[in-house]
Amino acid sequence: GNSRKSCESNARRRENRVTMSLARPFLFSPAPGRQQRRFALSQSPNRLTIRMARSSINEFSESGAFVRSPSAFRNFISQDPSSPFPAESGRYHLYVSFACPWACRCLAYLKIKGLDKIIGHTVVRSKWERTKDGDTHIGWVFPASNTEEPGAEPDPINGARTVRELYEIASTVYSGKYTVPVLWDKNLKTIINNESSEIIRMLNSEFNGLAENADLDLYPPHLRAQIDEANGWIYDCINNGVYKSGFAKRQEPYEEAVEKLYKALDNCEQILSKQRYICGNILSEADIRLFVTLIRFDEV
């Protein structure tokens, strides 16, 4: 309807701005033809320039509206063995937080596809804390032991105390947000990707030679156009809409975001009153992306 078109239009108009240089020779340009790009790497493989806030709570425009900046690490793991990042058992590690819906969509894929024996994962503490002495930044931290918080554990790969340290290992000049999910390459000691929408696509298809549930396709060819269309309004109005509502600094953008959020929830209700899943009668990517936000809605 009109609310869906409005959400998609706003998503297309959204501009994301950040500044950094990534001086790592193995931050290869994304593979051509991949979808959901926020930006592309520059011609030089050693330099990427963007402008970025250091925390999501600081991402807002002059109008007071929340404006999400792009994820910075956008490389791809491929089932092609000649790829710079080939799909291999035991090479990659996923860092997540149970409190983060973007990270939990990746964790859900890891479990649903049967990849948890191929790709390890570590859960950080659910509440932000100070990430460095003498610094005001707060963010995701690892517990000192396995007993501090259920499910959370110390970093077994790098011994990092915070997610921020992972970013600093990956790039000494990075100055953006220190977010989860983080898909880590243990061989190259760097971040492969920190964009959840791209990580779940990799987990869905690129590890099928190793996955226990390789036949499960959450982005099947015959539904891709429908899934992409649903993802557009679900992302802008619900997944990101809760952040635009919660982080708005002024009343007008808050009211606009809340109105779109509840119209989109009504749209979901209408769709799911007629069919089992968002895009028909099979579970798809659109359902996972929606569920991880809905399950937190009342609690948060």
Protein backbone atom coordinates (compact mmCIF):
# COMPACT_ATOMS: atom_id res chain seq x y z
CA GLY A 1 0.00 0.00 0.00
CA ASN A 2 0.97 3.66 0.31
CA SER A 3 2.81 3.06 3.62
CA ARG A 4 4.98 0.42 2.00
CA LYS A 5 5.85 2.71 -0.93
CA SER A 6 6.66 5.51 1.52
CA CYS A 7 8.99 3.24 3.51
CA GLU A 8 10.80 2.07 0.39
CA SER A 9 11.12 5.65 -0.88
CA ASN A 10 12.61 6.79 2.40
CA ALA A 11 15.04 3.89 2.35
CA ARG A 12 16.27 4.86 -1.11
CA ARG A 13 16.69 8.50 -0.06
CA ARG A 14 18.67 7.63 3.02
CA GLU A 15 22.28 8.86 2.84
CA ASN A 16 24.99 7.38 5.04
CA ARG A 17 28.21 9.25 5.75
CA VAL A 18 31.52 8.17 7.63
CA THR A 19 35.45 8.84 7.48
CA MET A 20 38.18 6.34 7.66
CA SER A 21 41.04 4.72 5.82
CA LEU A 22 41.56 0.98 5.80
CA ALA A 23 45.20 0.21 5.14
CA ARG A 24 44.93 -3.57 4.90
CA PRO A 25 46.05 -5.28 1.65
CA PHE A 26 43.52 -8.09 2.10
CA LEU A 27 40.42 -5.89 2.28
CA PHE A 28 39.51 -6.88 -1.27
CA SER A 29 36.78 -5.16 -3.24
CA PRO A 30 33.36 -6.84 -3.01
CA ALA A 31 32.57 -9.37 -5.72
CA PRO A 32 30.77 -7.79 -8.69
CA GLY A 33 27.05 -8.30 -8.97
CA ARG A 34 26.41 -8.57 -5.23
CA GLN A 35 23.29 -6.80 -3.98
CA GLN A 36 22.61 -4.57 -0.98
CA ARG A 37 25.70 -2.37 -1.41
CA ARG A 38 25.90 0.75 0.74
CA PHE A 39 29.15 1.84 -0.96
CA ALA A 40 32.08 0.36 -2.89
CA LEU A 41 35.75 0.23 -2.09
CA SER A 42 37.98 2.74 -3.84
CA GLN A 43 40.30 1.79 -6.71
CA SER A 44 43.16 1.44 -4.24
CA PRO A 45 42.86 -1.80 -2.25
CA ASN A 46 44.49 -0.06 0.72
CA ARG A 47 42.17 2.89 1.15
CA LEU A 48 38.48 3.31 1.87
CA THR A 49 37.02 6.70 2.69
CA ILE A 50 33.74 7.20 4.54
CA ARG A 51 32.39 9.37 7.37
CA MET A 52 31.00 7.56 10.38
CA ALA A 53 29.77 8.02 13.95
CA ARG A 54 31.50 5.95 16.64
CA SER A 55 28.23 4.74 18.16
CA SER A 56 24.69 4.19 16.90
CA ILE A 57 23.35 6.51 19.61
CA ASN A 58 25.20 9.37 17.86
CA GLU A 59 23.80 8.72 14.38
CA PHE A 60 21.24 11.43 13.77
CA SER A 61 20.65 14.23 11.29
CA GLU A 62 20.20 17.94 11.92
CA SER A 63 16.44 17.32 12.10
CA GLY A 64 16.99 14.94 15.01
CA ALA A 65 16.15 11.83 12.98
CA PHE A 66 18.17 8.64 13.45
CA VAL A 67 20.26 7.91 10.32
CA ARG A 68 22.13 4.61 10.26
CA SER A 69 25.64 4.72 8.80
CA PRO A 70 26.88 1.89 6.56
CA SER A 71 28.80 -1.16 7.64
CA ALA A 72 32.46 -0.84 6.72
CA PHE A 73 33.79 -4.35 6.10
CA ARG A 74 32.11 -5.79 3.01
CA ASN A 75 34.10 -8.75 1.71
CA PHE A 76 32.52 -12.05 0.74
CA ILE A 77 33.22 -15.68 1.48
CA SER A 78 32.66 -17.82 -1.60
CA GLN A 79 32.29 -21.51 -2.33
CA ASP A 80 34.79 -20.91 -5.15
CA PRO A 81 38.08 -22.37 -3.81
CA SER A 82 40.07 -19.75 -5.74
CA SER A 83 38.32 -16.93 -3.84
CA PRO A 84 40.42 -14.78 -1.46
CA PHE A 85 37.96 -15.95 1.21
CA PRO A 86 36.94 -19.53 0.31
CA ALA A 87 34.34 -21.44 2.33
CA GLU A 88 36.38 -23.63 4.68
CA SER A 89 35.65 -25.51 7.88
CA GLY A 90 37.19 -23.94 10.99
CA ARG A 91 38.56 -20.82 9.31
CA TYR A 92 35.86 -18.32 10.26
CA HIS A 93 34.36 -17.18 13.54
CA LEU A 94 31.20 -15.20 14.27
CA TYR A 95 30.99 -12.67 17.11
CA VAL A 96 27.45 -11.83 18.25
CA SER A 97 25.36 -10.39 21.07
CA PHE A 98 22.06 -11.88 22.18
CA ALA A 99 20.89 -8.27 22.68
CA CYS A 100 21.47 -7.33 19.03
CA PRO A 101 18.84 -8.32 16.44
CA TRP A 102 21.28 -7.79 13.56
CA ALA A 103 23.72 -10.25 15.11
CA CYS A 104 21.02 -12.73 16.07
CA ARG A 105 19.78 -13.04 12.51
CA CYS A 106 23.28 -14.35 11.70
CA LEU A 107 23.26 -16.69 14.68
CA ALA A 108 19.85 -17.98 13.59
CA TYR A 109 21.25 -18.79 10.15
CA LEU A 110 24.25 -20.52 11.69
CA LYS A 111 21.89 -22.84 13.59
CA ILE A 112 19.21 -23.29 10.93
CA LYS A 113 21.68 -24.15 8.18
CA GLY A 114 23.63 -26.51 10.46
CA LEU A 115 26.89 -24.59 10.28
CA ASP A 116 27.73 -24.34 13.97
CA LYS A 117 30.28 -27.16 13.66
CA ILE A 118 31.92 -25.39 10.71
CA ILE A 119 31.89 -21.81 11.99
CA GLY A 120 32.44 -21.11 15.68
CA HIS A 121 30.75 -18.26 17.47
CA THR A 122 31.27 -16.21 20.61
CA VAL A 123 28.68 -14.18 22.51
CA VAL A 124 29.61 -10.87 24.17
CA ARG A 125 28.00 -9.39 27.27
CA SER A 126 24.49 -8.05 26.64
CA LYS A 127 25.11 -4.57 28.08
CA TRP A 128 27.53 -1.95 26.82
CA GLU A 129 30.49 -1.01 28.99
CA ARG A 130 33.53 1.26 28.77
CA THR A 131 35.81 -0.12 26.03
CA LYS A 132 39.11 1.58 26.89
CA ASP A 133 40.64 3.27 29.91
CA GLY A 134 40.70 7.04 29.53
CA ASP A 135 38.12 6.92 26.73
CA THR A 136 34.42 7.76 26.98
CA HIS A 137 33.33 5.23 24.35
CA ILE A 138 31.00 2.45 25.52
CA GLY A 139 30.25 -0.68 23.54
CA TRP A 140 30.30 -4.46 23.42
CA VAL A 141 32.68 -6.24 25.78
CA PHE A 142 33.60 -9.85 26.48
CA PRO A 143 33.15 -11.30 29.96
CA ALA A 144 36.25 -12.22 31.93
CA SER A 145 34.88 -15.75 32.50
CA ASN A 146 32.14 -18.12 31.34
CA THR A 147 30.19 -17.60 34.57
CA GLU A 148 29.53 -13.84 34.39
CA GLU A 149 26.51 -14.04 32.05
CA PRO A 150 24.65 -17.04 30.60
CA GLY A 151 25.90 -17.79 27.09
CA ALA A 152 28.57 -15.09 27.07
CA GLU A 153 32.22 -16.11 27.10
CA PRO A 154 35.74 -14.65 26.74
CA ASP A 155 37.12 -14.26 23.24
CA PRO A 156 38.77 -17.62 22.40
CA ILE A 157 40.35 -16.48 19.14
CA ASN A 158 42.14 -13.19 19.80
CA GLY A 159 41.88 -12.81 23.55
CA ALA A 160 40.23 -9.44 22.98
CA ARG A 161 38.55 -7.71 25.92
CA THR A 162 36.15 -5.76 23.70
CA VAL A 163 34.69 -5.88 20.19
CA ARG A 164 36.46 -2.58 19.67
CA GLU A 165 39.78 -4.44 19.97
CA LEU A 166 38.74 -6.74 17.11
CA TYR A 167 38.26 -3.71 14.88
CA GLU A 168 41.61 -2.29 15.96
CA ILE A 169 43.30 -5.59 15.10
CA ALA A 170 41.63 -5.56 11.68
CA SER A 171 42.65 -1.95 10.98
CA THR A 172 44.91 0.38 12.95
CA VAL A 173 43.23 3.44 11.39
CA TYR A 174 39.58 2.45 11.70
CA SER A 175 37.49 5.19 13.35
CA GLY A 176 33.90 4.04 12.92
CA LYS A 177 31.43 2.04 14.99
CA TYR A 178 32.43 -1.17 16.76
CA THR A 179 29.40 -3.28 15.98
CA VAL A 180 28.29 -6.89 15.95
CA PRO A 181 27.90 -9.13 14.07
CA VAL A 182 31.55 -9.59 13.18
CA LEU A 183 32.53 -12.37 10.78
CA TRP A 184 36.21 -13.00 11.49
CA ASP A 185 38.90 -14.68 9.38
CA LYS A 186 41.23 -16.55 11.74
CA ASN A 187 43.86 -17.08 9.02
CA LEU A 188 44.20 -13.43 8.03
CA LYS A 189 43.25 -12.05 11.45
CA THR A 190 40.78 -9.58 10.07
CA ILE A 191 37.08 -8.84 9.76
CA ILE A 192 35.57 -10.30 6.62
CA ASN A 193 32.19 -8.64 6.95
CA ASN A 194 30.13 -6.80 9.55
CA GLU A 195 26.95 -6.32 7.52
CA SER A 196 24.34 -8.80 8.73
CA SER A 197 22.28 -8.80 5.52
CA GLU A 198 25.34 -9.95 3.59
CA ILE A 199 26.54 -12.43 6.22
CA ILE A 200 23.22 -14.29 6.16
CA ARG A 201 23.39 -14.54 2.36
CA MET A 202 26.84 -16.10 2.67
CA LEU A 203 25.67 -18.53 5.31
CA ASN A 204 22.65 -19.44 3.20
CA SER A 205 24.54 -20.43 0.06
CA GLU A 206 28.32 -20.35 0.19
CA PHE A 207 28.83 -23.12 2.77
CA ASN A 208 26.40 -25.63 1.29
CA GLY A 209 29.24 -28.04 0.63
CA LEU A 210 29.77 -28.19 4.40
CA ALA A 211 26.34 -27.43 5.88
CA GLU A 212 24.21 -30.07 7.58
CA ASN A 213 21.07 -28.49 6.09
CA ALA A 214 22.44 -27.67 2.66
CA ASP A 215 19.09 -28.25 0.93
CA LEU A 216 17.41 -25.52 2.95
CA ASP A 217 17.39 -22.36 0.84
CA LEU A 218 16.07 -19.27 2.62
CA TYR A 219 16.51 -17.15 -0.51
CA PRO A 220 15.15 -19.42 -3.30
CA PRO A 221 15.29 -18.07 -6.86
CA HIS A 222 11.52 -18.15 -7.41
CA LEU A 223 10.91 -15.96 -4.33
CA ARG A 224 13.82 -13.54 -4.53
CA ALA A 225 11.88 -10.62 -5.98
CA GLN A 226 9.17 -11.05 -3.35
CA ILE A 227 11.71 -11.42 -0.52
CA ASP A 228 13.63 -8.33 -1.66
CA GLU A 229 10.42 -6.32 -1.80
CA ALA A 230 9.40 -7.45 1.70
CA ASN A 231 12.89 -6.82 3.06
CA GLY A 232 12.69 -3.23 1.82
CA TRP A 233 9.71 -2.14 3.92
CA ILE A 234 10.45 -4.48 6.83
CA TYR A 235 13.97 -3.07 7.15
CA ASP A 236 13.07 0.59 6.85
CA CYS A 237 9.89 0.58 8.91
CA ILE A 238 10.45 -2.23 11.43
CA ASN A 239 14.08 -3.50 11.71
CA ASN A 240 15.50 0.01 11.51
CA GLY A 241 12.21 1.66 12.41
CA VAL A 242 12.51 0.72 16.08
CA TYR A 243 15.89 2.47 16.15
CA LYS A 244 14.51 5.53 14.36
CA SER A 245 11.78 5.66 16.97
CA GLY A 246 13.98 5.00 19.99
CA PHE A 247 16.96 7.15 19.01
CA ALA A 248 15.09 10.16 17.58
CA LYS A 249 16.20 13.40 19.21
CA ARG A 250 13.11 15.44 18.36
CA GLN A 251 9.36 14.85 18.45
CA GLU A 252 8.63 15.15 14.71
CA PRO A 253 11.00 12.40 13.46
CA TYR A 254 9.93 10.24 16.41
CA GLU A 255 6.26 10.50 15.50
CA GLU A 256 7.00 9.87 11.83
CA ALA A 257 9.01 6.73 12.63
CA VAL A 258 6.44 5.39 15.09
CA GLU A 259 3.58 5.88 12.65
CA LYS A 260 5.44 3.98 9.92
CA LEU A 261 6.45 1.28 12.39
CA TYR A 262 2.89 0.51 13.46
CA LYS A 263 1.54 0.69 9.92
CA ALA A 264 4.17 -1.86 8.91
CA LEU A 265 3.26 -4.08 11.87
CA ASP A 266 -0.38 -3.89 10.78
CA ASN A 267 0.73 -4.90 7.30
CA CYS A 268 2.54 -7.93 8.75
CA GLU A 269 -0.60 -8.85 10.69
CA GLN A 270 -2.67 -8.68 7.54
CA ILE A 271 -0.22 -10.85 5.57
CA LEU A 272 0.22 -13.45 8.31
CA SER A 273 -3.53 -13.74 8.90
CA LYS A 274 -3.75 -15.24 5.41
CA GLN A 275 -0.55 -17.30 5.15
CA ARG A 276 2.00 -18.98 7.39
CA TYR A 277 5.02 -16.90 6.34
CA ILE A 278 5.70 -13.44 4.93
CA CYS A 279 6.40 -14.64 1.40
CA GLY A 280 4.05 -17.60 1.18
CA ASN A 281 4.02 -21.02 2.77
CA ILE A 282 7.75 -21.57 3.25
CA LEU A 283 10.21 -20.06 5.69
CA SER A 284 12.42 -17.45 4.03
CA GLU A 285 15.00 -14.78 4.75
CA ALA A 286 12.22 -12.21 5.19
CA ASP A 287 10.79 -14.16 8.15
CA ILE A 288 14.14 -14.40 9.95
CA ARG A 289 14.84 -10.70 9.47
CA LEU A 290 11.38 -9.83 10.81
CA PHE A 291 11.37 -12.32 13.70
CA VAL A 292 14.56 -11.13 15.41
CA THR A 293 13.06 -7.65 15.76
CA LEU A 294 9.54 -8.77 16.74
CA ILE A 295 10.77 -11.12 19.47
CA ARG A 296 12.46 -8.14 21.19
CA PHE A 297 9.65 -5.65 20.66
CA ASP A 298 7.88 -5.84 24.04
CA GLU A 299 11.01 -6.58 26.06
CA VAL A 300 13.02 -3.65 24.73
